[in-house]
Amino acid sequence: MSADGDRVALAALAGNGLLAGGNAVAIRYSNRELAPLWGASLRFALAAALLLAAMAVLRLRFPRGRAMAGAVLFGAFNFGGGFALIYVALVELHAGFGQILLALVPLATLLVAVLEREERFRVAAVVGAVVALAGIAVMSRTSLRALPLLPVMAAVGSALCFAQAAVLVRRFPPVHPVTMNAVGMATGAALLVVASVLAAESIELPRRDATWAALAYVVVVGSVVVFLLYLVVLHRWAASRAAYLFVLIPFVTVALSAWLDDEPVDATLVLGGLLVLAGVYVGALRPQRLASPAPGATARGATR
């Protein structure tokens, strides 16, 4: 890796963190007018249309067989399940609080991979999980006096869905990332529409300028531009190094949410958030001197 390439990756990572940090705040604005499941389905239907257009420009073909099944399952867990839960959670949770919970994704991914025998058990993962749970308890001490437990559980469930999607996709043939996300977002949008109808949500287009602005942000910037910047990082850095993005985003989200959405930033949020991020680092992101795949794990699954 040249110094120039490293600088490009660092700049892309910083840009990604800054832009992705606005996603949760934009979702909060969207949720004020649109029902959460419908708002999420509208977002990913539009984002999928943009990525399908990109597939046409790049002359990418749709996957077949097991590869297509993998892309559909990825979309079901990642966009259908994960974003359904986080959109619902952010109806009541502030964006910064919710984004800190989503920082659990790298740690949750490791734990899911261990449970599904994709990776070996590590004591550090357990230590990290305990520290992160302590952080959640500290943050929730104040917030749960005014909020029910369900939004917090929904946000943690969202992190688990994202983790399961990341582990599951390793078992299927690789698919071009633009195609993977186009198929995945289209699948997620379809499932979210069904969920919205079953939940008897009001299905209507936004009327407020703020809602249109929030929707445009999460579609164009939060779904497409952020994705492209992440590809730049992954092209130059290992996935384990790129995963530091998950501990960068919450700092941006908390600052934006405090500025734009009047989120209270008190000692419990700061201390609890730092504990969560420390747990993620210790459990999932800290470099390991010895790392080997679990028996039977494929080389691709062990290194992605």
C-alpha atoms as a PDB file:
ATOM      1  CA  MET A   1       0.000   0.000   0.000  1.00  0.00           C
ATOM      2  CA  SER A   2       1.514   3.315  -1.104  1.00  0.00           C
ATOM      3  CA  ALA A   3       1.335   6.428   1.054  1.00  0.00           C
ATOM      4  CA  ASP A   4      -0.978   8.042  -1.521  1.00  0.00           C
ATOM      5  CA  GLY A   5      -3.283   5.006  -1.500  1.00  0.00           C
ATOM      6  CA  ASP A   6      -3.376   5.049   2.287  1.00  0.00           C
ATOM      7  CA  ARG A   7      -4.278   8.750   2.284  1.00  0.00           C
ATOM      8  CA  VAL A   8      -7.071   8.140  -0.234  1.00  0.00           C
ATOM      9  CA  ALA A   9      -8.472   5.340   1.941  1.00  0.00           C
ATOM     10  CA  LEU A  10      -8.253   7.497   5.068  1.00  0.00           C
ATOM     11  CA  ALA A  11     -10.010  10.392   3.312  1.00  0.00           C
ATOM     12  CA  ALA A  12     -12.744   8.044   2.038  1.00  0.00           C
ATOM     13  CA  LEU A  13     -13.180   6.571   5.528  1.00  0.00           C
ATOM     14  CA  ALA A  14     -13.477  10.043   7.070  1.00  0.00           C
ATOM     15  CA  GLY A  15     -15.929  11.163   4.395  1.00  0.00           C
ATOM     16  CA  ASN A  16     -17.933   7.987   4.849  1.00  0.00           C
ATOM     17  CA  GLY A  17     -18.109   8.488   8.610  1.00  0.00           C
ATOM     18  CA  LEU A  18     -19.221  12.110   8.263  1.00  0.00           C
ATOM     19  CA  LEU A  19     -21.920  11.333   5.681  1.00  0.00           C
ATOM     20  CA  ALA A  20     -23.141   8.108   7.270  1.00  0.00           C
ATOM     21  CA  GLY A  21     -23.347   9.923  10.591  1.00  0.00           C
ATOM     22  CA  GLY A  22     -26.280  11.905   9.212  1.00  0.00           C
ATOM     23  CA  ASN A  23     -28.354   8.840   8.328  1.00  0.00           C
ATOM     24  CA  ALA A  24     -29.916   8.248  11.740  1.00  0.00           C
ATOM     25  CA  VAL A  25     -30.749  11.956  12.100  1.00  0.00           C
ATOM     26  CA  ALA A  26     -32.396  11.957   8.650  1.00  0.00           C
ATOM     27  CA  ILE A  27     -34.397   8.853   9.606  1.00  0.00           C
ATOM     28  CA  ARG A  28     -35.676  10.691  12.668  1.00  0.00           C
ATOM     29  CA  TYR A  29     -36.879  13.547  10.438  1.00  0.00           C
ATOM     30  CA  SER A  30     -38.491  11.069   8.022  1.00  0.00           C
ATOM     31  CA  ASN A  31     -40.263   9.291  10.886  1.00  0.00           C
ATOM     32  CA  ARG A  32     -41.978  12.510  11.938  1.00  0.00           C
ATOM     33  CA  GLU A  33     -44.186  12.426   8.842  1.00  0.00           C
ATOM     34  CA  LEU A  34     -43.895   8.953   7.337  1.00  0.00           C
ATOM     35  CA  ALA A  35     -44.743   5.704   9.098  1.00  0.00           C
ATOM     36  CA  PRO A  36     -41.401   3.980   9.833  1.00  0.00           C
ATOM     37  CA  LEU A  37     -41.769   0.813   7.748  1.00  0.00           C
ATOM     38  CA  TRP A  38     -43.221   2.741   4.832  1.00  0.00           C
ATOM     39  CA  GLY A  39     -40.456   5.348   5.062  1.00  0.00           C
ATOM     40  CA  ALA A  40     -37.821   2.606   4.995  1.00  0.00           C
ATOM     41  CA  SER A  41     -39.455   0.856   2.031  1.00  0.00           C
ATOM     42  CA  LEU A  42     -39.643   4.128   0.065  1.00  0.00           C
ATOM     43  CA  ARG A  43     -35.969   4.786   0.786  1.00  0.00           C
ATOM     44  CA  PHE A  44     -34.749   1.427  -0.447  1.00  0.00           C
ATOM     45  CA  ALA A  45     -37.077   1.291  -3.437  1.00  0.00           C
ATOM     46  CA  LEU A  46     -35.546   4.558  -4.677  1.00  0.00           C
ATOM     47  CA  ALA A  47     -31.988   3.517  -3.768  1.00  0.00           C
ATOM     48  CA  ALA A  48     -32.476   0.156  -5.527  1.00  0.00           C
ATOM     49  CA  ALA A  49     -33.648   2.003  -8.660  1.00  0.00           C
ATOM     50  CA  LEU A  50     -30.435   4.065  -8.649  1.00  0.00           C
ATOM     51  CA  LEU A  51     -28.266   0.965  -8.226  1.00  0.00           C
ATOM     52  CA  LEU A  52     -30.173  -0.929 -10.922  1.00  0.00           C
ATOM     53  CA  ALA A  53     -29.447   1.996 -13.234  1.00  0.00           C
ATOM     54  CA  ALA A  54     -25.781   1.736 -12.218  1.00  0.00           C
ATOM     55  CA  MET A  55     -25.884  -1.973 -13.103  1.00  0.00           C
ATOM     56  CA  ALA A  56     -27.166  -1.076 -16.559  1.00  0.00           C
ATOM     57  CA  VAL A  57     -24.417   1.509 -17.086  1.00  0.00           C
ATOM     58  CA  LEU A  58     -21.737  -0.909 -15.872  1.00  0.00           C
ATOM     59  CA  ARG A  59     -23.325  -3.763 -17.865  1.00  0.00           C
ATOM     60  CA  LEU A  60     -23.537  -5.988 -14.823  1.00  0.00           C
ATOM     61  CA  ARG A  61     -25.674  -9.109 -15.003  1.00  0.00           C
ATOM     62  CA  PHE A  62     -28.006 -10.456 -12.360  1.00  0.00           C
ATOM     63  CA  PRO A  63     -26.625 -13.429 -10.420  1.00  0.00           C
ATOM     64  CA  ARG A  64     -28.124 -16.892 -10.836  1.00  0.00           C
ATOM     65  CA  GLY A  65     -28.700 -19.936  -8.668  1.00  0.00           C
ATOM     66  CA  ARG A  66     -27.046 -19.889  -5.259  1.00  0.00           C
ATOM     67  CA  ALA A  67     -25.489 -16.495  -5.914  1.00  0.00           C
ATOM     68  CA  MET A  68     -28.944 -14.978  -6.444  1.00  0.00           C
ATOM     69  CA  ALA A  69     -30.251 -16.774  -3.344  1.00  0.00           C
ATOM     70  CA  GLY A  70     -27.407 -15.274  -1.320  1.00  0.00           C
ATOM     71  CA  ALA A  71     -28.142 -11.748  -2.559  1.00  0.00           C
ATOM     72  CA  VAL A  72     -31.853 -12.143  -1.742  1.00  0.00           C
ATOM     73  CA  LEU A  73     -31.150 -13.488   1.750  1.00  0.00           C
ATOM     74  CA  PHE A  74     -28.651 -10.683   2.336  1.00  0.00           C
ATOM     75  CA  GLY A  75     -31.351  -8.188   1.410  1.00  0.00           C
ATOM     76  CA  ALA A  76     -33.928  -9.886   3.612  1.00  0.00           C
ATOM     77  CA  PHE A  77     -31.737  -9.738   6.740  1.00  0.00           C
ATOM     78  CA  ASN A  78     -29.809  -6.521   6.088  1.00  0.00           C
ATOM     79  CA  PHE A  79     -32.401  -4.210   4.529  1.00  0.00           C
ATOM     80  CA  GLY A  80     -35.666  -5.990   5.334  1.00  0.00           C
ATOM     81  CA  GLY A  81     -34.968  -6.965   8.941  1.00  0.00           C
ATOM     82  CA  GLY A  82     -32.175  -4.654  10.063  1.00  0.00           C
ATOM     83  CA  PHE A  83     -33.602  -1.407   8.756  1.00  0.00           C
ATOM     84  CA  ALA A  84     -37.193  -2.277   9.696  1.00  0.00           C
ATOM     85  CA  LEU A  85     -36.060  -2.546  13.315  1.00  0.00           C
ATOM     86  CA  ILE A  86     -33.857   0.556  13.370  1.00  0.00           C
ATOM     87  CA  TYR A  87     -36.521   2.708  11.689  1.00  0.00           C
ATOM     88  CA  VAL A  88     -39.039   1.573  14.311  1.00  0.00           C
ATOM     89  CA  ALA A  89     -36.515   2.130  17.124  1.00  0.00           C
ATOM     90  CA  LEU A  90     -35.731   5.675  15.959  1.00  0.00           C
ATOM     91  CA  VAL A  91     -39.349   6.710  16.339  1.00  0.00           C
ATOM     92  CA  GLU A  92     -38.605   7.006  20.063  1.00  0.00           C
ATOM     93  CA  LEU A  93     -34.827   6.780  20.419  1.00  0.00           C
ATOM     94  CA  HIS A  94     -32.650   9.777  19.655  1.00  0.00           C
ATOM     95  CA  ALA A  95     -30.322   9.291  16.685  1.00  0.00           C
ATOM     96  CA  GLY A  96     -27.084   9.369  18.702  1.00  0.00           C
ATOM     97  CA  PHE A  97     -28.322   6.796  21.192  1.00  0.00           C
ATOM     98  CA  GLY A  98     -29.500   4.530  18.369  1.00  0.00           C
ATOM     99  CA  GLN A  99     -26.280   4.874  16.389  1.00  0.00           C
ATOM    100  CA  ILE A 100     -24.189   3.932  19.403  1.00  0.00           C
ATOM    101  CA  LEU A 101     -26.228   0.724  19.673  1.00  0.00           C
ATOM    102  CA  LEU A 102     -25.582   0.055  15.974  1.00  0.00           C
ATOM    103  CA  ALA A 103     -21.852   0.322  16.696  1.00  0.00           C
ATOM    104  CA  LEU A 104     -22.299  -3.181  18.147  1.00  0.00           C
ATOM    105  CA  VAL A 105     -22.406  -4.607  14.594  1.00  0.00           C
ATOM    106  CA  PRO A 106     -18.715  -5.710  14.377  1.00  0.00           C
ATOM    107  CA  LEU A 107     -18.907  -7.384  17.784  1.00  0.00           C
ATOM    108  CA  ALA A 108     -22.289  -8.951  17.020  1.00  0.00           C
ATOM    109  CA  THR A 109     -20.923 -10.232  13.706  1.00  0.00           C
ATOM    110  CA  LEU A 110     -18.044 -11.959  15.469  1.00  0.00           C
ATOM    111  CA  LEU A 111     -20.343 -13.530  18.068  1.00  0.00           C
ATOM    112  CA  VAL A 112     -22.812 -14.749  15.412  1.00  0.00           C
ATOM    113  CA  ALA A 113     -19.914 -16.189  13.393  1.00  0.00           C
ATOM    114  CA  VAL A 114     -18.708 -18.082  16.472  1.00  0.00           C
ATOM    115  CA  LEU A 115     -22.184 -19.441  17.206  1.00  0.00           C
ATOM    116  CA  GLU A 116     -22.537 -20.589  13.589  1.00  0.00           C
ATOM    117  CA  ARG A 117     -19.053 -22.146  13.607  1.00  0.00           C
ATOM    118  CA  GLU A 118     -17.652 -19.730  11.042  1.00  0.00           C
ATOM    119  CA  GLU A 119     -14.940 -18.474  13.392  1.00  0.00           C
ATOM    120  CA  ARG A 120     -13.211 -19.688  16.551  1.00  0.00           C
ATOM    121  CA  PHE A 121     -14.291 -18.678  20.034  1.00  0.00           C
ATOM    122  CA  ARG A 122     -12.202 -15.880  21.550  1.00  0.00           C
ATOM    123  CA  VAL A 123     -12.164 -14.771  25.176  1.00  0.00           C
ATOM    124  CA  ALA A 124     -11.729 -11.186  23.959  1.00  0.00           C
ATOM    125  CA  ALA A 125     -15.142 -11.372  22.266  1.00  0.00           C
ATOM    126  CA  VAL A 126     -16.803 -12.261  25.581  1.00  0.00           C
ATOM    127  CA  VAL A 127     -14.928  -9.496  27.418  1.00  0.00           C
ATOM    128  CA  GLY A 128     -15.905  -7.014  24.725  1.00  0.00           C
ATOM    129  CA  ALA A 129     -19.549  -8.094  24.887  1.00  0.00           C
ATOM    130  CA  VAL A 130     -19.626  -7.639  28.670  1.00  0.00           C
ATOM    131  CA  VAL A 131     -18.078  -4.163  28.431  1.00  0.00           C
ATOM    132  CA  ALA A 132     -20.488  -3.176  25.642  1.00  0.00           C
ATOM    133  CA  LEU A 133     -23.504  -4.431  27.593  1.00  0.00           C
ATOM    134  CA  ALA A 134     -22.320  -2.414  30.588  1.00  0.00           C
ATOM    135  CA  GLY A 135     -22.225   0.633  28.334  1.00  0.00           C
ATOM    136  CA  ILE A 136     -25.784  -0.015  27.147  1.00  0.00           C
ATOM    137  CA  ALA A 137     -26.907  -0.345  30.772  1.00  0.00           C
ATOM    138  CA  VAL A 138     -25.277   2.990  31.653  1.00  0.00           C
ATOM    139  CA  MET A 139     -26.840   4.777  28.657  1.00  0.00           C
ATOM    140  CA  SER A 140     -30.238   3.244  29.328  1.00  0.00           C
ATOM    141  CA  ARG A 141     -30.247   4.197  33.002  1.00  0.00           C
ATOM    142  CA  THR A 142     -31.510   7.685  32.174  1.00  0.00           C
ATOM    143  CA  SER A 143     -33.189   7.080  28.819  1.00  0.00           C
ATOM    144  CA  LEU A 144     -35.375   4.157  29.906  1.00  0.00           C
ATOM    145  CA  ARG A 145     -37.035   6.253  32.582  1.00  0.00           C
ATOM    146  CA  ALA A 146     -38.837   8.034  29.752  1.00  0.00           C
ATOM    147  CA  LEU A 147     -38.643   5.334  27.062  1.00  0.00           C
ATOM    148  CA  PRO A 148     -39.995   1.776  26.996  1.00  0.00           C
ATOM    149  CA  LEU A 149     -37.543  -1.081  26.628  1.00  0.00           C
ATOM    150  CA  LEU A 150     -38.807  -2.129  23.176  1.00  0.00           C
ATOM    151  CA  PRO A 151     -37.023   0.598  21.135  1.00  0.00           C
ATOM    152  CA  VAL A 152     -33.669  -0.353  22.690  1.00  0.00           C
ATOM    153  CA  MET A 153     -34.351  -4.038  22.004  1.00  0.00           C
ATOM    154  CA  ALA A 154     -35.319  -3.160  18.419  1.00  0.00           C
ATOM    155  CA  ALA A 155     -32.019  -1.305  17.874  1.00  0.00           C
ATOM    156  CA  VAL A 156     -30.004  -4.221  19.295  1.00  0.00           C
ATOM    157  CA  GLY A 157     -32.072  -6.584  17.133  1.00  0.00           C
ATOM    158  CA  SER A 158     -31.196  -4.439  14.138  1.00  0.00           C
ATOM    159  CA  ALA A 159     -27.482  -4.860  14.888  1.00  0.00           C
ATOM    160  CA  LEU A 160     -28.007  -8.638  15.098  1.00  0.00           C
ATOM    161  CA  CYS A 161     -29.782  -8.648  11.716  1.00  0.00           C
ATOM    162  CA  PHE A 162     -26.882  -6.755  10.126  1.00  0.00           C
ATOM    163  CA  ALA A 163     -24.475  -9.226  11.737  1.00  0.00           C
ATOM    164  CA  GLN A 164     -26.415 -12.248  10.502  1.00  0.00           C
ATOM    165  CA  ALA A 165     -26.487 -10.810   6.971  1.00  0.00           C
ATOM    166  CA  ALA A 166     -22.706 -10.348   7.009  1.00  0.00           C
ATOM    167  CA  VAL A 167     -22.092 -13.911   8.204  1.00  0.00           C
ATOM    168  CA  LEU A 168     -24.716 -15.526   5.978  1.00  0.00           C
ATOM    169  CA  VAL A 169     -23.471 -13.973   2.751  1.00  0.00           C
ATOM    170  CA  ARG A 170     -20.095 -15.705   3.172  1.00  0.00           C
ATOM    171  CA  ARG A 171     -21.720 -19.069   2.470  1.00  0.00           C
ATOM    172  CA  PHE A 172     -22.774 -18.121  -1.055  1.00  0.00           C
ATOM    173  CA  PRO A 173     -20.833 -17.415  -4.259  1.00  0.00           C
ATOM    174  CA  PRO A 174     -19.472 -13.845  -4.461  1.00  0.00           C
ATOM    175  CA  VAL A 175     -21.538 -11.204  -6.263  1.00  0.00           C
ATOM    176  CA  HIS A 176     -20.424  -7.781  -7.543  1.00  0.00           C
ATOM    177  CA  PRO A 177     -21.104  -5.312  -4.695  1.00  0.00           C
ATOM    178  CA  VAL A 178     -23.255  -3.016  -6.860  1.00  0.00           C
ATOM    179  CA  THR A 179     -25.380  -5.995  -7.908  1.00  0.00           C
ATOM    180  CA  MET A 180     -25.485  -7.376  -4.365  1.00  0.00           C
ATOM    181  CA  ASN A 181     -26.839  -4.118  -2.991  1.00  0.00           C
ATOM    182  CA  ALA A 182     -29.226  -3.532  -5.905  1.00  0.00           C
ATOM    183  CA  VAL A 183     -30.808  -6.976  -5.449  1.00  0.00           C
ATOM    184  CA  GLY A 184     -30.620  -6.702  -1.658  1.00  0.00           C
ATOM    185  CA  MET A 185     -32.259  -3.277  -1.497  1.00  0.00           C
ATOM    186  CA  ALA A 186     -35.002  -4.316  -3.929  1.00  0.00           C
ATOM    187  CA  THR A 187     -35.680  -7.408  -1.800  1.00  0.00           C
ATOM    188  CA  GLY A 188     -35.655  -5.369   1.393  1.00  0.00           C
ATOM    189  CA  ALA A 189     -38.002  -2.754  -0.100  1.00  0.00           C
ATOM    190  CA  ALA A 190     -40.490  -5.456  -1.130  1.00  0.00           C
ATOM    191  CA  LEU A 191     -40.458  -7.020   2.350  1.00  0.00           C
ATOM    192  CA  LEU A 192     -40.788  -3.611   4.011  1.00  0.00           C
ATOM    193  CA  VAL A 193     -43.827  -2.742   1.882  1.00  0.00           C
ATOM    194  CA  VAL A 194     -45.495  -6.019   2.918  1.00  0.00           C
ATOM    195  CA  ALA A 195     -44.657  -5.332   6.577  1.00  0.00           C
ATOM    196  CA  SER A 196     -46.010  -1.786   6.268  1.00  0.00           C
ATOM    197  CA  VAL A 197     -49.298  -3.047   4.827  1.00  0.00           C
ATOM    198  CA  LEU A 198     -49.617  -5.750   7.507  1.00  0.00           C
ATOM    199  CA  ALA A 199     -48.950  -3.125  10.178  1.00  0.00           C
ATOM    200  CA  ALA A 200     -51.777  -1.007   8.681  1.00  0.00           C
ATOM    201  CA  GLU A 201     -49.462   1.976   8.260  1.00  0.00           C
ATOM    202  CA  SER A 202     -50.531   5.054   6.349  1.00  0.00           C
ATOM    203  CA  ILE A 203     -48.948   4.853   2.885  1.00  0.00           C
ATOM    204  CA  GLU A 204     -48.479   8.289   1.367  1.00  0.00           C
ATOM    205  CA  LEU A 205     -45.812  10.478  -0.181  1.00  0.00           C
ATOM    206  CA  PRO A 206     -44.165  13.191   1.928  1.00  0.00           C
ATOM    207  CA  ARG A 207     -45.700  16.670   1.941  1.00  0.00           C
ATOM    208  CA  ARG A 208     -43.137  18.548   4.020  1.00  0.00           C
ATOM    209  CA  ASP A 209     -39.923  19.900   2.531  1.00  0.00           C
ATOM    210  CA  ALA A 210     -37.938  18.630   5.532  1.00  0.00           C
ATOM    211  CA  THR A 211     -39.153  15.072   4.902  1.00  0.00           C
ATOM    212  CA  TRP A 212     -38.245  15.219   1.206  1.00  0.00           C
ATOM    213  CA  ALA A 213     -34.808  16.551   2.146  1.00  0.00           C
ATOM    214  CA  ALA A 214     -34.309  13.757   4.689  1.00  0.00           C
ATOM    215  CA  LEU A 215     -35.454  11.147   2.161  1.00  0.00           C
ATOM    216  CA  ALA A 216     -33.166  12.538  -0.536  1.00  0.00           C
ATOM    217  CA  TYR A 217     -30.268  12.425   1.910  1.00  0.00           C
ATOM    218  CA  VAL A 218     -30.714   8.797   2.962  1.00  0.00           C
ATOM    219  CA  VAL A 219     -31.312   7.674  -0.644  1.00  0.00           C
ATOM    220  CA  VAL A 220     -28.580   9.512  -2.539  1.00  0.00           C
ATOM    221  CA  VAL A 221     -25.992  10.220   0.150  1.00  0.00           C
ATOM    222  CA  GLY A 222     -26.755   7.688   2.881  1.00  0.00           C
ATOM    223  CA  SER A 223     -27.330   4.703   0.600  1.00  0.00           C
ATOM    224  CA  VAL A 224     -25.385   5.316  -2.633  1.00  0.00           C
ATOM    225  CA  VAL A 225     -22.535   7.770  -1.929  1.00  0.00           C
ATOM    226  CA  VAL A 226     -21.717   6.161   1.430  1.00  0.00           C
ATOM    227  CA  PHE A 227     -21.688   2.757  -0.250  1.00  0.00           C
ATOM    228  CA  LEU A 228     -19.306   3.949  -2.979  1.00  0.00           C
ATOM    229  CA  LEU A 229     -16.944   5.523  -0.443  1.00  0.00           C
ATOM    230  CA  TYR A 230     -16.917   2.285   1.532  1.00  0.00           C
ATOM    231  CA  LEU A 231     -15.920   0.426  -1.643  1.00  0.00           C
ATOM    232  CA  VAL A 232     -12.971   2.829  -2.026  1.00  0.00           C
ATOM    233  CA  VAL A 233     -11.876   1.971   1.517  1.00  0.00           C
ATOM    234  CA  LEU A 234     -12.294  -1.779   1.007  1.00  0.00           C
ATOM    235  CA  HIS A 235     -10.318  -1.614  -2.235  1.00  0.00           C
ATOM    236  CA  ARG A 236      -7.289  -0.268  -0.341  1.00  0.00           C
ATOM    237  CA  TRP A 237      -7.684  -1.620   3.192  1.00  0.00           C
ATOM    238  CA  ALA A 238      -8.525  -4.996   4.725  1.00  0.00           C
ATOM    239  CA  ALA A 239     -12.125  -5.397   5.877  1.00  0.00           C
ATOM    240  CA  SER A 240     -11.006  -5.614   9.515  1.00  0.00           C
ATOM    241  CA  ARG A 241      -9.378  -2.194   9.248  1.00  0.00           C
ATOM    242  CA  ALA A 242     -12.348  -0.711   7.365  1.00  0.00           C
ATOM    243  CA  ALA A 243     -14.614  -1.898  10.207  1.00  0.00           C
ATOM    244  CA  TYR A 244     -13.341   1.004  12.334  1.00  0.00           C
ATOM    245  CA  LEU A 245     -16.011   2.989  10.483  1.00  0.00           C
ATOM    246  CA  PHE A 246     -18.558   1.578  12.953  1.00  0.00           C
ATOM    247  CA  VAL A 247     -16.869   3.341  15.869  1.00  0.00           C
ATOM    248  CA  LEU A 248     -16.380   6.595  13.941  1.00  0.00           C
ATOM    249  CA  ILE A 249     -20.009   7.127  12.902  1.00  0.00           C
ATOM    250  CA  PRO A 250     -21.540   7.465  16.417  1.00  0.00           C
ATOM    251  CA  PHE A 251     -19.397  10.504  17.269  1.00  0.00           C
ATOM    252  CA  VAL A 252     -20.699  12.297  14.167  1.00  0.00           C
ATOM    253  CA  THR A 253     -24.292  11.221  14.792  1.00  0.00           C
ATOM    254  CA  VAL A 254     -24.299  12.374  18.425  1.00  0.00           C
ATOM    255  CA  ALA A 255     -22.941  15.801  17.410  1.00  0.00           C
ATOM    256  CA  LEU A 256     -25.435  16.196  14.554  1.00  0.00           C
ATOM    257  CA  SER A 257     -28.345  14.965  16.650  1.00  0.00           C
ATOM    258  CA  ALA A 258     -27.512  17.367  19.478  1.00  0.00           C
ATOM    259  CA  TRP A 259     -27.312  20.232  16.947  1.00  0.00           C
ATOM    260  CA  LEU A 260     -30.265  19.430  14.676  1.00  0.00           C
ATOM    261  CA  ASP A 261     -32.586  17.365  16.868  1.00  0.00           C
ATOM    262  CA  ASP A 262     -31.894  18.675  20.385  1.00  0.00           C
ATOM    263  CA  GLU A 263     -30.674  15.311  21.661  1.00  0.00           C
ATOM    264  CA  PRO A 264     -29.525  15.700  25.278  1.00  0.00           C
ATOM    265  CA  VAL A 265     -25.848  14.780  25.629  1.00  0.00           C
ATOM    266  CA  ASP A 266     -25.240  14.045  29.291  1.00  0.00           C
ATOM    267  CA  ALA A 267     -22.639  12.117  31.254  1.00  0.00           C
ATOM    268  CA  THR A 268     -24.513   8.815  30.995  1.00  0.00           C
ATOM    269  CA  LEU A 269     -24.664   8.977  27.183  1.00  0.00           C
ATOM    270  CA  VAL A 270     -20.979   9.896  26.906  1.00  0.00           C
ATOM    271  CA  LEU A 271     -19.748   7.315  29.438  1.00  0.00           C
ATOM    272  CA  GLY A 272     -22.054   4.584  28.193  1.00  0.00           C
ATOM    273  CA  GLY A 273     -21.197   5.314  24.569  1.00  0.00           C
ATOM    274  CA  LEU A 274     -17.480   5.153  25.264  1.00  0.00           C
ATOM    275  CA  LEU A 275     -17.953   1.809  27.037  1.00  0.00           C
ATOM    276  CA  VAL A 276     -19.874   0.415  24.061  1.00  0.00           C
ATOM    277  CA  LEU A 277     -17.172   1.550  21.620  1.00  0.00           C
ATOM    278  CA  ALA A 278     -14.434   0.182  23.917  1.00  0.00           C
ATOM    279  CA  GLY A 279     -16.229  -3.162  24.058  1.00  0.00           C
ATOM    280  CA  VAL A 280     -16.496  -3.270  20.269  1.00  0.00           C
ATOM    281  CA  TYR A 281     -12.789  -2.484  19.941  1.00  0.00           C
ATOM    282  CA  VAL A 282     -11.673  -5.077  22.491  1.00  0.00           C
ATOM    283  CA  GLY A 283     -14.033  -7.763  21.267  1.00  0.00           C
ATOM    284  CA  ALA A 284     -13.931  -7.357  17.498  1.00  0.00           C
ATOM    285  CA  LEU A 285     -11.568  -4.700  16.170  1.00  0.00           C
ATOM    286  CA  ARG A 286      -8.374  -5.101  18.214  1.00  0.00           C
ATOM    287  CA  PRO A 287      -5.710  -6.764  16.031  1.00  0.00           C
ATOM    288  CA  GLN A 288      -5.140 -10.424  16.855  1.00  0.00           C
ATOM    289  CA  ARG A 289      -1.672 -11.958  16.724  1.00  0.00           C
ATOM    290  CA  LEU A 290      -3.036 -15.382  15.971  1.00  0.00           C
ATOM    291  CA  ALA A 291      -6.144 -15.865  13.877  1.00  0.00           C
ATOM    292  CA  SER A 292      -7.255 -19.055  12.224  1.00  0.00           C
ATOM    293  CA  PRO A 293     -10.600 -20.185  10.821  1.00  0.00           C
ATOM    294  CA  ALA A 294     -12.806 -22.676  12.572  1.00  0.00           C
ATOM    295  CA  PRO A 295     -12.656 -26.258  11.379  1.00  0.00           C
ATOM    296  CA  GLY A 296     -14.558 -26.540   8.118  1.00  0.00           C
ATOM    297  CA  ALA A 297     -14.702 -22.784   7.497  1.00  0.00           C
ATOM    298  CA  THR A 298     -13.866 -21.730   3.966  1.00  0.00           C
ATOM    299  CA  ALA A 299     -10.925 -19.470   3.281  1.00  0.00           C
ATOM    300  CA  ARG A 300     -13.240 -16.845   1.800  1.00  0.00           C
ATOM    301  CA  GLY A 301     -15.492 -16.937   4.842  1.00  0.00           C
ATOM    302  CA  ALA A 302     -12.559 -16.614   7.204  1.00  0.00           C
ATOM    303  CA  THR A 303     -10.987 -13.603   5.572  1.00  0.00           C
ATOM    304  CA  ARG A 304     -13.852 -11.437   4.329  1.00  0.00           C
END
